[in-house]
Amino acid sequence: MKKKYSVTGVVFTLFVIVVFTYNCTSNKKTDTDTKSALDGAFMNHRDSVPSKKQYPDSLFLLSHDYPATVTPVVDPPWHRALNGQPISASNVFAYMDSLKNYIAPRVLPFFTNNSSWTAAKYGWFHEPWLGSQREAILGTYLGNGNPANMFKTLKEDEAGYVLVLYDSTAAYTVGQIWGKTGQKVNLLNDATQFKEGSVIVKLAFSNINDPDWSAMDGAQTFHVYDTIPTKADPRVGYHMRKVSFFQMDVIVKDSTTSPKTGWVYSTFVYDKHGLASSPWGKMVPLGAMWGNDPDVNSPLTPPYPKLSETVINMKAPEYSKETLGWGGRLSGPNDGAVAQEAFDLYTGRKYTNLALSSCMSCHSPAQDTFKSFLLPGPFPNDTLFVYTPGSPKWKLWFRDNYGNVPFDSGQVAMDYDMVMAFKSVSAFEAAKSSDQNKLLRKNFEAVRKFRRHHTNSRFWH
């Protein structure tokens, strides 16, 4: 059982939500999964694990018994929260509160009684093929990092750890894609399209804690077993390392509320000044979005024109608003929508602290072949180049396509699930011994090299 720890106290210049997978030796599993021809589909975690003295409880178990059938979601509470009105600034926070209350019975025990919480026990499921990237305690893997001074109160490089949970409705689609063995990717007959009412939750943890990051004062802390040193914990190699819970994303397939894209994205952030007494209660709305406002050609600096498909809570903590996306579109502090340095591909202009993405913008290129980058520009080399902000090429990332419309013609759209498209599929392809999908591998390698170059390997194992 996992031990609960006490409450205490973009892009690394790039919106990258993946660390390219690497070959890993066989994992010491704690369940009865059989090693398959393509090793790793349902591997629980890396083979680097804490000793029993360091961590006496059981380690992370992957939940992958995906449902073979799906029950329609009828009259969900988030619909009732809108009182029959279109989603807008007047009711969006009621919508978000309904989502938080909906997941609370199955997510809150992770925080209040972590020693007895497992995803399978509470009806959640995980994506396959990421065992070689998951640390062994919480099952998190590296998300985005923030370089020093991305936030006014953060003075050192920060790494984010994430854990993604699919509810049973969403997990039906995961099962349609991967089947019972995870040995092939099914793209036929809209297998990649999520059913109405699917809910996906992402929990994000920062490796910089209070007092080194004052915004984390009072945040709930856990431990992961990983290698990234900090000023507070400069040890090298695998150790028990403290992390603070600071962001939660809840996204729902809701084409009634969001007929253009099919999804509503919502982000909650930790607010140390929140009125609630518990860390869960101090997770306050940062905002929500249900489209990319393609008709709003935002300037690079405020004041920004009003958006009709994003609403931001201006009372959210200051750190969480420092990494909003292009023109104030939704992006959380773990999402890295701000690049400290980027260059215009056509003019050579250098941009500093460029807000160049959003939650939905980054996820929009999710398709079977990683043909287009997550950011509005070509795949990076040693330098992050972007298309001219606001130009037609830039705005390709800010379209309001429905989830079955691919970003690039001839591809299969994966319904905004960039985690599946960019992490699971890439890890699956990397495990193959054949020379298939050379373009896919080339593009992942470009991202891997870029991130390694710009982080001095600090975020690598």
Protein backbone atom coordinates (compact mmCIF):
# COMPACT_ATOMS: atom_id res chain seq x y z
CA MET A 1 0.00 0.00 0.00
CA LYS A 2 1.19 3.47 -0.74
CA LYS A 3 2.11 5.63 2.23
CA LYS A 4 0.50 9.01 2.70
CA TYR A 5 2.84 11.85 3.56
CA SER A 6 1.93 14.89 5.58
CA VAL A 7 0.90 18.35 4.54
CA THR A 8 3.89 20.72 4.79
CA GLY A 9 4.76 24.06 5.44
CA VAL A 10 6.92 26.58 -20.98
CA VAL A 11 8.15 23.66 -21.47
CA PHE A 12 11.67 24.15 -20.40
CA THR A 13 11.39 26.88 -23.08
CA LEU A 14 9.03 24.41 -24.77
CA PHE A 15 5.58 23.00 -24.25
CA VAL A 16 6.65 19.36 -24.18
CA ILE A 17 4.43 16.93 -22.33
CA VAL A 18 6.63 13.93 -22.96
CA VAL A 19 10.00 12.58 -22.13
CA PHE A 20 11.03 10.28 -24.98
CA THR A 21 11.00 6.71 -23.77
CA TYR A 22 14.18 4.73 -23.40
CA ASN A 23 14.92 1.02 -23.17
CA CYS A 24 14.54 -0.30 -19.66
CA THR A 25 15.48 -3.59 -18.06
CA SER A 26 12.71 -5.89 -16.88
CA ASN A 27 10.57 -4.44 -14.10
CA LYS A 28 10.03 -6.22 -10.80
CA LYS A 29 6.27 -6.46 -11.07
CA THR A 30 3.93 -6.84 -8.17
CA ASP A 31 1.04 -8.35 -10.17
CA THR A 32 0.77 -11.37 -12.46
CA ASP A 33 1.05 -9.77 -15.89
CA THR A 34 2.90 -11.93 -18.40
CA LYS A 35 5.90 -10.55 -20.22
CA SER A 36 4.85 -10.09 -23.88
CA ALA A 37 6.77 -10.17 -27.13
CA LEU A 38 6.84 -6.39 -27.06
CA ASP A 39 7.89 -5.82 -23.48
CA GLY A 40 6.33 -3.02 -21.52
CA ALA A 41 2.69 -2.53 -22.51
CA PHE A 42 1.42 -3.00 -18.98
CA MET A 43 4.62 -2.59 -17.01
CA ASN A 44 3.80 -0.98 -13.70
CA HIS A 45 6.85 1.23 -13.20
CA ARG A 46 10.60 1.48 -13.62
CA ASP A 47 12.80 -1.22 -12.13
CA SER A 48 14.51 1.34 -9.88
CA VAL A 49 12.52 0.98 -6.67
CA PRO A 50 12.99 2.07 -3.07
CA SER A 51 14.03 -0.45 -0.45
CA LYS A 52 11.51 -1.68 2.08
CA LYS A 53 13.31 0.40 4.68
CA GLN A 54 12.87 3.51 2.54
CA TYR A 55 9.29 2.71 1.61
CA PRO A 56 7.55 -0.19 3.36
CA ASP A 57 4.25 -0.03 1.50
CA SER A 58 3.29 -1.55 -1.85
CA LEU A 59 4.26 0.17 -5.07
CA PHE A 60 2.24 1.59 -7.94
CA LEU A 61 0.00 -0.80 -9.88
CA LEU A 62 -1.17 0.02 -13.39
CA SER A 63 -4.94 -0.20 -13.88
CA HIS A 64 -5.50 -1.59 -17.38
CA ASP A 65 -8.53 -3.88 -17.30
CA TYR A 66 -10.29 -1.55 -19.70
CA PRO A 67 -14.10 -1.90 -19.97
CA ALA A 68 -15.40 -3.77 -23.02
CA THR A 69 -18.71 -1.92 -22.89
CA VAL A 70 -19.75 1.58 -22.00
CA THR A 71 -22.81 2.87 -20.17
CA PRO A 72 -24.17 6.17 -21.51
CA VAL A 73 -23.80 9.11 -19.13
CA VAL A 74 -27.29 10.53 -18.61
CA ASP A 75 -28.08 13.97 -17.22
CA PRO A 76 -24.60 14.66 -15.85
CA PRO A 77 -24.28 17.24 -13.06
CA TRP A 78 -22.14 19.56 -15.19
CA HIS A 79 -25.09 19.96 -17.56
CA ARG A 80 -27.41 20.75 -14.68
CA ALA A 81 -24.92 23.34 -13.40
CA LEU A 82 -25.50 25.44 -16.52
CA ASN A 83 -29.25 25.75 -15.89
CA GLY A 84 -30.03 25.31 -19.57
CA GLN A 85 -27.78 28.20 -20.62
CA PRO A 86 -24.70 28.18 -22.87
CA ILE A 87 -21.45 27.98 -20.98
CA SER A 88 -20.08 31.46 -20.26
CA ALA A 89 -18.36 33.57 -17.65
CA SER A 90 -21.59 33.63 -15.64
CA ASN A 91 -21.82 29.87 -15.10
CA VAL A 92 -18.43 28.35 -15.95
CA PHE A 93 -17.26 28.14 -12.34
CA ALA A 94 -20.46 26.35 -11.35
CA TYR A 95 -19.67 23.92 -14.18
CA MET A 96 -16.15 23.45 -12.82
CA ASP A 97 -17.39 22.96 -9.27
CA SER A 98 -19.78 20.26 -10.48
CA LEU A 99 -16.88 18.42 -12.14
CA LYS A 100 -14.76 18.64 -8.99
CA ASN A 101 -17.63 17.36 -6.86
CA TYR A 102 -18.30 14.57 -9.38
CA ILE A 103 -14.77 13.17 -9.18
CA ALA A 104 -14.27 13.85 -5.46
CA PRO A 105 -15.56 10.52 -4.08
CA ARG A 106 -13.07 8.61 -6.26
CA VAL A 107 -10.13 11.06 -6.25
CA LEU A 108 -10.24 12.63 -2.79
CA PRO A 109 -9.20 9.35 -1.06
CA PHE A 110 -5.90 9.64 -2.94
CA PHE A 111 -5.22 12.63 -0.69
CA THR A 112 -7.06 11.73 2.50
CA ASN A 113 -6.24 8.01 2.69
CA ASN A 114 -3.51 7.39 0.18
CA SER A 115 -2.34 4.22 1.92
CA SER A 116 -5.46 2.38 0.75
CA TRP A 117 -6.02 4.14 -2.57
CA THR A 118 -5.44 2.42 -5.90
CA ALA A 119 -6.77 3.48 -9.27
CA ALA A 120 -8.49 0.16 -9.91
CA LYS A 121 -10.22 0.21 -6.51
CA TYR A 122 -11.77 3.59 -7.26
CA GLY A 123 -12.67 2.97 -10.89
CA TRP A 124 -9.81 4.73 -12.67
CA PHE A 125 -7.54 3.52 -15.45
CA HIS A 126 -4.11 4.43 -16.84
CA GLU A 127 -2.57 4.66 -20.29
CA PRO A 128 -0.27 1.77 -21.36
CA TRP A 129 3.36 1.65 -22.47
CA LEU A 130 4.70 4.18 -19.96
CA GLY A 131 6.06 1.84 -17.30
CA SER A 132 9.66 2.66 -18.15
CA GLN A 133 8.89 6.32 -17.46
CA ARG A 134 6.82 5.92 -14.27
CA GLU A 135 8.45 6.26 -10.89
CA ALA A 136 7.57 3.43 -8.56
CA ILE A 137 5.56 5.06 -5.74
CA LEU A 138 2.80 7.24 -7.19
CA GLY A 139 3.25 6.05 -10.77
CA THR A 140 3.91 9.58 -11.99
CA TYR A 141 6.10 10.47 -14.94
CA LEU A 142 7.75 13.72 -15.91
CA GLY A 143 5.43 16.29 -17.41
CA ASN A 144 6.65 19.80 -18.07
CA GLY A 145 9.36 21.71 -16.32
CA ASN A 146 9.67 25.41 -15.63
CA PRO A 147 13.04 27.14 -15.78
CA ALA A 148 14.13 29.42 -12.97
CA ASN A 149 12.35 32.78 -12.94
CA MET A 150 9.41 31.56 -15.02
CA PHE A 151 7.46 32.61 -11.94
CA LYS A 152 8.35 35.66 -9.87
CA THR A 153 8.59 33.47 -6.77
CA LEU A 154 10.53 30.55 -8.32
CA LYS A 155 14.31 30.92 -8.36
CA GLU A 156 15.42 27.48 -9.55
CA ASP A 157 14.56 24.99 -12.26
CA GLU A 158 11.35 23.10 -11.50
CA ALA A 159 10.13 19.72 -12.74
CA GLY A 160 6.50 18.64 -12.83
CA TYR A 161 5.32 15.07 -12.27
CA VAL A 162 1.92 13.97 -13.58
CA LEU A 163 -0.52 11.13 -13.09
CA VAL A 164 -3.37 10.76 -15.61
CA LEU A 165 -6.60 8.97 -14.70
CA TYR A 166 -9.32 7.87 -17.14
CA ASP A 167 -12.78 7.14 -15.77
CA SER A 168 -14.58 4.01 -16.97
CA THR A 169 -16.34 5.85 -19.80
CA ALA A 170 -13.06 7.26 -21.09
CA ALA A 171 -11.23 3.97 -20.47
CA TYR A 172 -13.57 2.22 -22.88
CA THR A 173 -11.88 4.17 -25.68
CA VAL A 174 -8.42 3.39 -24.30
CA GLY A 175 -9.38 -0.27 -24.50
CA GLN A 176 -10.68 0.10 -28.04
CA ILE A 177 -7.32 1.52 -29.09
CA TRP A 178 -5.08 -0.99 -27.28
CA GLY A 179 -7.19 -4.06 -26.68
CA LYS A 180 -6.36 -6.54 -23.92
CA THR A 181 -2.70 -6.97 -24.85
CA GLY A 182 -1.52 -3.51 -25.91
CA GLN A 183 0.34 -5.06 -28.82
CA LYS A 184 -1.20 -3.02 -31.62
CA VAL A 185 -2.91 0.32 -32.11
CA ASN A 186 -6.46 0.12 -33.43
CA LEU A 187 -7.42 3.20 -35.47
CA LEU A 188 -10.46 1.80 -37.28
CA ASN A 189 -14.11 2.77 -37.01
CA ASP A 190 -13.60 5.81 -34.79
CA ALA A 191 -11.87 3.70 -32.13
CA THR A 192 -9.95 6.80 -31.00
CA GLN A 193 -13.06 8.86 -30.34
CA PHE A 194 -14.18 9.18 -26.72
CA LYS A 195 -17.78 8.63 -25.70
CA GLU A 196 -19.94 11.43 -24.38
CA GLY A 197 -19.40 11.99 -20.68
CA SER A 198 -15.82 10.70 -20.65
CA VAL A 199 -13.84 12.30 -17.83
CA ILE A 200 -10.03 12.46 -17.72
CA VAL A 201 -8.14 13.82 -14.70
CA LYS A 202 -4.49 14.86 -14.53
CA LEU A 203 -2.84 15.39 -11.15
CA ALA A 204 0.36 17.45 -11.23
CA PHE A 205 3.08 17.72 -8.58
CA SER A 206 6.01 20.13 -8.33
CA ASN A 207 9.45 19.04 -7.16
CA ILE A 208 10.10 22.50 -5.67
CA ASN A 209 8.38 22.86 -2.32
CA ASP A 210 7.95 25.49 0.33
CA PRO A 211 10.03 27.38 1.47
CA ASP A 212 12.01 27.24 -1.78
CA TRP A 213 8.81 28.07 -3.64
CA SER A 214 6.62 30.15 -1.35
CA ALA A 215 3.52 29.55 -3.49
CA MET A 216 3.56 25.94 -2.23
CA ASP A 217 3.19 26.94 1.43
CA GLY A 218 0.73 24.47 2.97
CA ALA A 219 0.39 22.33 -0.16
CA GLN A 220 -0.03 18.61 0.37
CA THR A 221 3.20 16.72 -0.18
CA PHE A 222 4.01 13.19 -1.27
CA HIS A 223 7.17 11.34 -2.17
CA VAL A 224 8.32 9.99 -5.51
CA TYR A 225 11.35 7.81 -6.17
CA ASP A 226 13.38 9.68 -8.74
CA THR A 227 16.67 11.30 -9.69
CA ILE A 228 16.15 15.04 -10.13
CA PRO A 229 18.17 17.10 -7.62
CA THR A 230 17.05 20.42 -6.17
CA LYS A 231 18.73 23.01 -3.98
CA ALA A 232 16.92 21.54 -1.00
CA ASP A 233 17.83 17.96 -1.99
CA PRO A 234 21.02 18.00 -4.10
CA ARG A 235 21.67 14.24 -3.94
CA VAL A 236 22.30 12.48 -7.24
CA GLY A 237 20.74 9.18 -8.25
CA TYR A 238 17.47 7.62 -7.16
CA HIS A 239 16.14 8.83 -3.82
CA MET A 240 12.87 9.51 -2.06
CA ARG A 241 12.05 13.07 -3.13
CA LYS A 242 9.29 15.33 -1.89
CA VAL A 243 6.74 16.83 -4.30
CA SER A 244 3.82 19.23 -3.79
CA PHE A 245 0.36 18.82 -5.34
CA PHE A 246 -0.31 22.06 -7.21
CA GLN A 247 -2.47 21.51 -10.31
CA MET A 248 -5.43 19.36 -11.32
CA ASP A 249 -6.92 19.26 -14.81
CA VAL A 250 -10.39 17.82 -15.35
CA ILE A 251 -11.51 17.46 -18.95
CA VAL A 252 -14.86 16.14 -20.10
CA LYS A 253 -16.24 15.04 -23.47
CA ASP A 254 -19.28 17.28 -23.67
CA SER A 255 -20.37 18.07 -27.21
CA THR A 256 -23.64 19.51 -25.93
CA THR A 257 -21.80 22.29 -24.09
CA SER A 258 -18.94 22.45 -26.62
CA PRO A 259 -20.31 21.50 -30.05
CA LYS A 260 -17.30 22.85 -31.97
CA THR A 261 -14.55 20.82 -30.31
CA GLY A 262 -16.47 18.30 -28.22
CA TRP A 263 -14.46 19.00 -25.06
CA VAL A 264 -14.38 21.30 -22.04
CA TYR A 265 -11.00 21.69 -20.34
CA SER A 266 -10.84 22.93 -16.75
CA THR A 267 -7.83 23.62 -14.53
CA PHE A 268 -7.65 23.90 -10.75
CA VAL A 269 -4.56 25.23 -8.95
CA TYR A 270 -3.33 25.32 -5.39
CA ASP A 271 -4.04 28.61 -3.60
CA LYS A 272 -2.29 28.96 -0.25
CA HIS A 273 -4.64 31.83 0.57
CA GLY A 274 -7.75 29.78 -0.18
CA LEU A 275 -10.47 29.98 2.43
CA ALA A 276 -10.89 26.21 2.76
CA SER A 277 -8.98 24.37 5.47
CA SER A 278 -7.91 21.33 3.44
CA PRO A 279 -5.45 21.19 0.53
CA TRP A 280 -8.25 19.74 -1.64
CA GLY A 281 -10.44 22.69 -0.75
CA LYS A 282 -7.60 25.06 -1.62
CA MET A 283 -7.59 23.76 -5.21
CA VAL A 284 -9.39 26.69 -6.81
CA PRO A 285 -10.45 27.29 -10.42
CA LEU A 286 -7.86 28.84 -12.68
CA GLY A 287 -10.24 28.68 -15.59
CA ALA A 288 -11.86 26.66 -18.33
CA MET A 289 -11.86 26.59 -22.12
CA TRP A 290 -13.97 24.85 -24.73
CA GLY A 291 -12.34 26.26 -27.85
CA ASN A 292 -9.32 28.20 -29.05
CA ASP A 293 -11.08 31.45 -30.05
CA PRO A 294 -9.80 31.19 -33.63
CA ASP A 295 -11.38 34.52 -34.58
CA VAL A 296 -9.42 36.43 -31.92
CA ASN A 297 -5.99 37.41 -33.21
CA SER A 298 -4.44 38.28 -29.89
CA PRO A 299 -1.48 40.65 -29.47
CA LEU A 300 1.62 39.40 -27.67
CA THR A 301 1.16 41.63 -24.64
CA PRO A 302 -1.86 42.89 -22.65
CA PRO A 303 -4.38 44.33 -22.87
CA TYR A 304 -5.87 41.32 -24.67
CA PRO A 305 -9.17 41.30 -26.55
CA LYS A 306 -11.97 39.47 -24.76
CA LEU A 307 -12.12 35.73 -25.40
CA SER A 308 -15.43 33.93 -25.83
CA GLU A 309 -14.18 30.35 -25.39
CA THR A 310 -11.86 30.80 -22.40
CA VAL A 311 -12.73 32.15 -18.96
CA ILE A 312 -9.98 32.84 -16.41
CA ASN A 313 -10.57 33.30 -12.71
CA MET A 314 -8.84 36.60 -12.03
CA LYS A 315 -8.86 35.76 -8.31
CA ALA A 316 -6.67 32.71 -8.89
CA PRO A 317 -3.21 32.89 -7.27
CA GLU A 318 -0.74 35.08 -9.10
CA TYR A 319 1.76 32.34 -9.97
CA SER A 320 -0.92 30.38 -11.82
CA LYS A 321 -1.70 33.32 -14.12
CA GLU A 322 1.93 33.92 -15.07
CA THR A 323 1.88 31.00 -17.52
CA LEU A 324 -1.42 31.59 -19.31
CA GLY A 325 -1.31 30.92 -23.02
CA TRP A 326 -1.57 33.08 -26.12
CA GLY A 327 -3.73 36.11 -25.46
CA GLY A 328 -4.72 34.82 -22.01
CA ARG A 329 -6.01 31.43 -23.20
CA LEU A 330 -6.10 28.72 -20.56
CA SER A 331 -2.84 27.05 -19.58
CA GLY A 332 -1.78 26.01 -16.10
CA PRO A 333 1.55 26.38 -14.29
CA ASN A 334 2.44 22.77 -15.14
CA ASP A 335 1.61 23.19 -18.83
CA GLY A 336 4.45 25.38 -20.02
CA ALA A 337 2.65 27.53 -22.57
CA VAL A 338 5.28 30.27 -22.19
CA ALA A 339 8.72 29.98 -23.81
CA GLN A 340 11.40 32.08 -22.19
CA GLU A 341 13.14 32.32 -25.56
CA ALA A 342 11.95 31.65 -29.11
CA PHE A 343 12.79 32.96 -32.56
CA ASP A 344 10.56 33.90 -35.48
CA LEU A 345 11.18 31.43 -38.30
CA TYR A 346 10.70 34.12 -40.96
CA THR A 347 11.96 37.38 -39.46
CA GLY A 348 14.52 36.09 -36.97
CA ARG A 349 12.97 38.21 -34.22
CA LYS A 350 13.79 37.02 -30.74
CA TYR A 351 10.82 36.63 -28.40
CA THR A 352 11.17 36.48 -24.63
CA ASN A 353 8.49 35.03 -22.38
CA LEU A 354 6.36 34.26 -25.42
CA ALA A 355 2.89 32.89 -24.63
CA LEU A 356 2.47 30.57 -27.58
CA SER A 357 0.00 27.83 -26.71
CA SER A 358 -3.06 26.80 -24.70
CA CYS A 359 -4.45 23.59 -23.28
CA MET A 360 -6.47 22.80 -26.39
CA SER A 361 -3.92 24.22 -28.81
CA CYS A 362 -1.25 21.86 -27.53
CA HIS A 363 -3.58 18.85 -27.70
CA SER A 364 -4.97 19.66 -31.13
CA PRO A 365 -2.17 17.88 -33.12
CA ALA A 366 -3.00 14.56 -31.40
CA GLN A 367 -3.12 12.08 -34.27
CA ASP A 368 -1.80 8.65 -35.13
CA THR A 369 1.42 9.97 -36.69
CA PHE A 370 3.24 12.77 -34.90
CA LYS A 371 3.42 14.85 -38.06
CA SER A 372 2.98 18.30 -36.54
CA PHE A 373 4.63 19.69 -33.43
CA LEU A 374 2.72 20.61 -30.27
CA LEU A 375 3.62 24.29 -30.66
CA PRO A 376 2.98 26.65 -33.60
CA GLY A 377 6.25 26.02 -35.38
CA PRO A 378 8.37 23.29 -36.94
CA PHE A 379 9.98 20.54 -34.92
CA PRO A 380 12.86 22.07 -32.95
CA ASN A 381 16.55 21.54 -33.46
CA ASP A 382 18.85 23.36 -31.06
CA THR A 383 16.63 26.45 -31.18
CA LEU A 384 12.90 26.90 -30.78
CA PHE A 385 11.60 28.55 -33.94
CA VAL A 386 7.96 29.58 -34.23
CA TYR A 387 5.76 30.86 -36.98
CA THR A 388 5.04 34.58 -36.80
CA PRO A 389 2.48 35.03 -33.98
CA GLY A 390 -0.98 35.63 -35.38
CA SER A 391 -0.02 34.53 -38.90
CA PRO A 392 -2.09 31.94 -40.82
CA LYS A 393 0.42 29.18 -40.04
CA TRP A 394 0.48 30.10 -36.35
CA LYS A 395 -3.30 30.02 -36.21
CA LEU A 396 -3.44 26.44 -37.47
CA TRP A 397 -2.84 25.53 -33.81
CA PHE A 398 -5.84 27.61 -32.73
CA ARG A 399 -8.60 26.11 -34.82
CA ASP A 400 -11.84 24.80 -33.33
CA ASN A 401 -11.77 21.37 -34.93
CA TYR A 402 -13.95 18.59 -33.61
CA GLY A 403 -12.02 15.69 -32.12
CA ASN A 404 -12.44 13.48 -35.19
CA VAL A 405 -10.87 16.05 -37.52
CA PRO A 406 -7.11 15.44 -37.89
CA PHE A 407 -4.67 18.31 -37.58
CA ASP A 408 -3.02 17.17 -40.83
CA SER A 409 -4.96 15.73 -43.75
CA GLY A 410 -4.57 12.00 -44.20
CA GLN A 411 -4.01 11.35 -40.48
CA VAL A 412 -6.30 9.76 -37.90
CA ALA A 413 -7.42 12.22 -35.23
CA MET A 414 -7.10 11.01 -31.64
CA ASP A 415 -9.74 13.28 -30.13
CA TYR A 416 -7.41 15.74 -28.38
CA ASP A 417 -5.75 12.95 -26.35
CA MET A 418 -2.14 14.08 -26.67
CA VAL A 419 -1.03 11.86 -23.79
CA MET A 420 -2.10 8.82 -25.78
CA ALA A 421 -0.81 10.10 -29.11
CA PHE A 422 2.47 11.57 -27.95
CA LYS A 423 3.43 9.32 -25.04
CA SER A 424 1.82 5.88 -25.30
CA VAL A 425 2.06 5.57 -29.07
CA SER A 426 5.63 6.85 -29.10
CA ALA A 427 6.68 4.37 -26.41
CA PHE A 428 4.96 1.57 -28.31
CA GLU A 429 6.79 2.51 -31.51
CA ALA A 430 10.10 2.76 -29.69
CA ALA A 431 9.68 -0.80 -28.45
CA LYS A 432 9.48 -2.16 -31.98
CA SER A 433 12.59 -3.59 -33.54
CA SER A 434 11.47 -2.81 -37.08
CA ASP A 435 12.19 0.32 -39.11
CA GLN A 436 8.54 1.32 -39.40
CA ASN A 437 7.29 4.85 -38.89
CA LYS A 438 10.62 6.54 -39.50
CA LEU A 439 9.04 10.00 -39.56
CA LEU A 440 7.39 9.41 -36.20
CA ARG A 441 10.65 8.33 -34.62
CA LYS A 442 12.56 11.18 -36.23
CA ASN A 443 10.16 13.75 -34.79
CA PHE A 444 10.31 12.27 -31.31
CA GLU A 445 14.08 12.20 -31.51
CA ALA A 446 14.10 15.90 -32.43
CA VAL A 447 12.14 16.73 -29.29
CA ARG A 448 14.33 14.46 -27.16
CA LYS A 449 17.53 16.11 -28.37
CA PHE A 450 16.13 19.60 -27.95
CA ARG A 451 15.08 19.00 -24.38
CA ARG A 452 18.32 17.27 -23.46
CA HIS A 453 20.30 20.21 -24.89
CA HIS A 454 18.29 22.83 -23.04
CA THR A 455 18.12 21.11 -19.66
CA ASN A 456 21.71 19.88 -19.37
CA SER A 457 20.20 16.43 -18.77
CA ARG A 458 18.78 17.49 -15.41
CA PHE A 459 15.35 16.19 -16.29
CA TRP A 460 16.60 12.88 -17.67
CA HIS A 461 17.18 9.52 -16.06
